[in-house]
Amino acid sequence: MVSHLDIHAYLAEFEDIPGTRVFTAARARQGYHLNQFAMSLMKPENRERFKADERGYLDEWAISEEAKQAVLARDYNALLDIGGNIYFLSKLFSTDGIAFAQAVSTMTDMSWPEYRQMMLDGGRSPEGVRSIREGR
């Protein structure tokens, strides 16, 4: 267990959860402009502009080239890694006409039908790898 006095060690523990990206203050700062872009898609006129010229619209935002490439590729795991907030990124899913659960399925090693069935069956088992560092 990490001492409550060592905040850096405590926060590092969040990086040890397999398949999970905890939206920390550091990620929020890193992804601020990316998330602002995503939220801009709430307005119909912005969605239309984005759909007409994705790269041109992205170039209007102060986001990294890495983030722009991840948006263009719809690489949601990469977007989460660089500070994207899943609820803000849902505006991108919606712009693409994709249901939230279907978009999330692309972040797994399962097809949409497999992911859907797994969720209908109660979700992922809590058994298995619980620590990246320890491989358990």
Protein backbone atom coordinates (compact mmCIF):
# COMPACT_ATOMS: atom_id res chain seq x y z
CA MET A 1 0.00 0.00 0.00
CA VAL A 2 1.25 3.48 -0.84
CA SER A 3 1.63 6.04 1.91
CA HIS A 4 -0.86 8.89 1.67
CA LEU A 5 2.12 11.24 1.97
CA ASP A 6 3.64 10.16 -1.35
CA ILE A 7 1.19 11.53 -3.92
CA HIS A 8 3.43 10.70 -6.88
CA ALA A 9 3.65 7.03 -5.91
CA TYR A 10 -0.10 7.01 -5.32
CA LEU A 11 -0.82 8.47 -8.77
CA ALA A 12 1.65 6.05 -10.38
CA GLU A 13 -0.52 3.19 -9.14
CA PHE A 14 -3.25 4.35 -11.55
CA GLU A 15 -0.92 3.51 -14.46
CA ASP A 16 -0.69 -0.10 -13.27
CA ILE A 17 -4.32 -1.04 -13.98
CA PRO A 18 -4.48 -3.22 -17.13
CA GLY A 19 -6.76 -1.89 -19.84
CA THR A 20 -7.70 1.21 -17.86
CA ARG A 21 -6.72 4.85 -18.15
CA VAL A 22 -7.69 6.82 -15.08
CA PHE A 23 -8.54 10.41 -16.01
CA THR A 24 -6.18 12.22 -13.65
CA ALA A 25 -5.45 15.93 -13.40
CA ALA A 26 -2.29 15.34 -15.46
CA ARG A 27 -4.32 13.72 -18.24
CA ALA A 28 -6.87 16.51 -18.05
CA ARG A 29 -4.14 19.11 -18.55
CA GLN A 30 -2.54 17.11 -21.37
CA GLY A 31 -5.83 16.61 -23.20
CA TYR A 32 -7.44 19.99 -22.59
CA HIS A 33 -7.46 21.17 -26.23
CA LEU A 34 -8.32 17.69 -27.54
CA ASN A 35 -11.33 17.60 -25.24
CA GLN A 36 -12.35 21.13 -26.22
CA PHE A 37 -12.27 20.01 -29.87
CA ALA A 38 -14.48 17.03 -29.01
CA MET A 39 -16.94 19.21 -27.13
CA SER A 40 -17.14 21.57 -30.11
CA LEU A 41 -18.86 18.73 -31.96
CA MET A 42 -21.97 19.33 -29.86
CA LYS A 43 -22.91 22.11 -32.28
CA PRO A 44 -24.43 20.96 -35.58
CA GLU A 45 -22.51 23.53 -37.61
CA ASN A 46 -19.20 22.29 -36.16
CA ARG A 47 -20.08 18.67 -36.88
CA GLU A 48 -20.80 19.59 -40.49
CA ARG A 49 -17.54 21.52 -40.80
CA PHE A 50 -15.61 18.61 -39.28
CA LYS A 51 -17.27 16.02 -41.53
CA ALA A 52 -16.58 18.15 -44.62
CA ASP A 53 -12.83 18.54 -43.87
CA GLU A 54 -11.64 16.64 -40.80
CA ARG A 55 -7.98 17.62 -41.10
CA GLY A 56 -8.78 21.26 -41.79
CA TYR A 57 -11.06 21.45 -38.76
CA LEU A 58 -8.49 19.73 -36.54
CA ASP A 59 -5.83 22.20 -37.68
CA GLU A 60 -7.87 24.98 -36.10
CA TRP A 61 -7.20 23.48 -32.68
CA ALA A 62 -4.04 23.67 -30.55
CA ILE A 63 -3.69 19.90 -30.35
CA SER A 64 -0.61 17.83 -31.11
CA GLU A 65 -0.02 16.10 -34.41
CA GLU A 66 -0.19 12.82 -32.47
CA ALA A 67 -3.70 13.71 -31.28
CA LYS A 68 -4.78 14.80 -34.77
CA GLN A 69 -3.58 11.50 -36.23
CA ALA A 70 -5.36 9.54 -33.50
CA VAL A 71 -8.61 11.43 -34.20
CA LEU A 72 -8.31 10.80 -37.94
CA ALA A 73 -7.63 7.10 -37.31
CA ARG A 74 -10.36 6.95 -34.63
CA ASP A 75 -7.76 5.37 -32.35
CA TYR A 76 -9.66 5.88 -29.13
CA ASN A 77 -7.08 4.09 -26.95
CA ALA A 78 -4.39 6.51 -28.17
CA LEU A 79 -6.75 9.42 -27.54
CA LEU A 80 -7.33 8.25 -23.97
CA ASP A 81 -3.57 7.86 -23.47
CA ILE A 82 -2.97 11.46 -24.48
CA GLY A 83 -5.63 12.93 -22.24
CA GLY A 84 -8.91 12.38 -24.02
CA ASN A 85 -11.92 12.06 -21.75
CA ILE A 86 -14.24 9.25 -22.84
CA TYR A 87 -17.35 11.37 -22.27
CA PHE A 88 -15.99 14.21 -24.38
CA LEU A 89 -14.80 11.75 -27.05
CA SER A 90 -18.35 10.42 -27.21
CA LYS A 91 -19.15 13.55 -29.22
CA LEU A 92 -16.83 12.14 -31.90
CA PHE A 93 -18.60 8.75 -31.76
CA SER A 94 -21.91 10.50 -32.15
CA THR A 95 -20.65 12.59 -35.06
CA ASP A 96 -19.70 9.32 -36.76
CA GLY A 97 -23.14 7.85 -36.01
CA ILE A 98 -21.68 5.17 -33.75
CA ALA A 99 -23.26 4.11 -30.47
CA PHE A 100 -21.14 4.57 -27.35
CA ALA A 101 -20.89 0.82 -26.67
CA GLN A 102 -19.95 0.09 -30.27
CA ALA A 103 -17.16 2.69 -30.16
CA VAL A 104 -15.92 1.28 -26.85
CA SER A 105 -15.82 -2.20 -28.38
CA THR A 106 -13.12 -0.93 -30.78
CA MET A 107 -10.90 -0.38 -27.73
CA THR A 108 -10.90 -4.10 -26.97
CA ASP A 109 -9.72 -7.23 -28.71
CA MET A 110 -13.36 -8.14 -29.41
CA SER A 111 -15.68 -7.50 -32.30
CA TRP A 112 -18.79 -5.39 -31.66
CA PRO A 113 -21.06 -8.50 -31.48
CA GLU A 114 -18.62 -10.25 -29.10
CA TYR A 115 -18.33 -7.16 -26.91
CA ARG A 116 -22.09 -6.68 -26.85
CA GLN A 117 -22.64 -10.29 -25.81
CA MET A 118 -19.95 -10.08 -23.12
CA MET A 119 -21.69 -7.03 -21.66
CA LEU A 120 -25.14 -8.70 -21.86
CA ASP A 121 -23.62 -11.67 -20.01
CA GLY A 122 -22.54 -9.45 -17.12
CA GLY A 123 -19.29 -7.83 -18.30
CA ARG A 124 -15.68 -8.81 -17.88
CA SER A 125 -14.70 -11.20 -15.17
CA PRO A 126 -12.86 -9.62 -12.24
CA GLU A 127 -10.45 -12.57 -12.43
CA GLY A 128 -7.23 -12.28 -14.37
CA VAL A 129 -4.42 -9.76 -14.63
CA ARG A 130 -4.88 -7.07 -11.99
CA SER A 131 -1.43 -5.45 -12.23
CA ILE A 132 0.62 -4.63 -15.32
CA ARG A 133 3.83 -4.46 -13.30
CA GLU A 134 3.33 -7.77 -11.54
CA GLY A 135 1.63 -9.57 -14.45
CA ARG A 136 -1.10 -10.82 -12.17
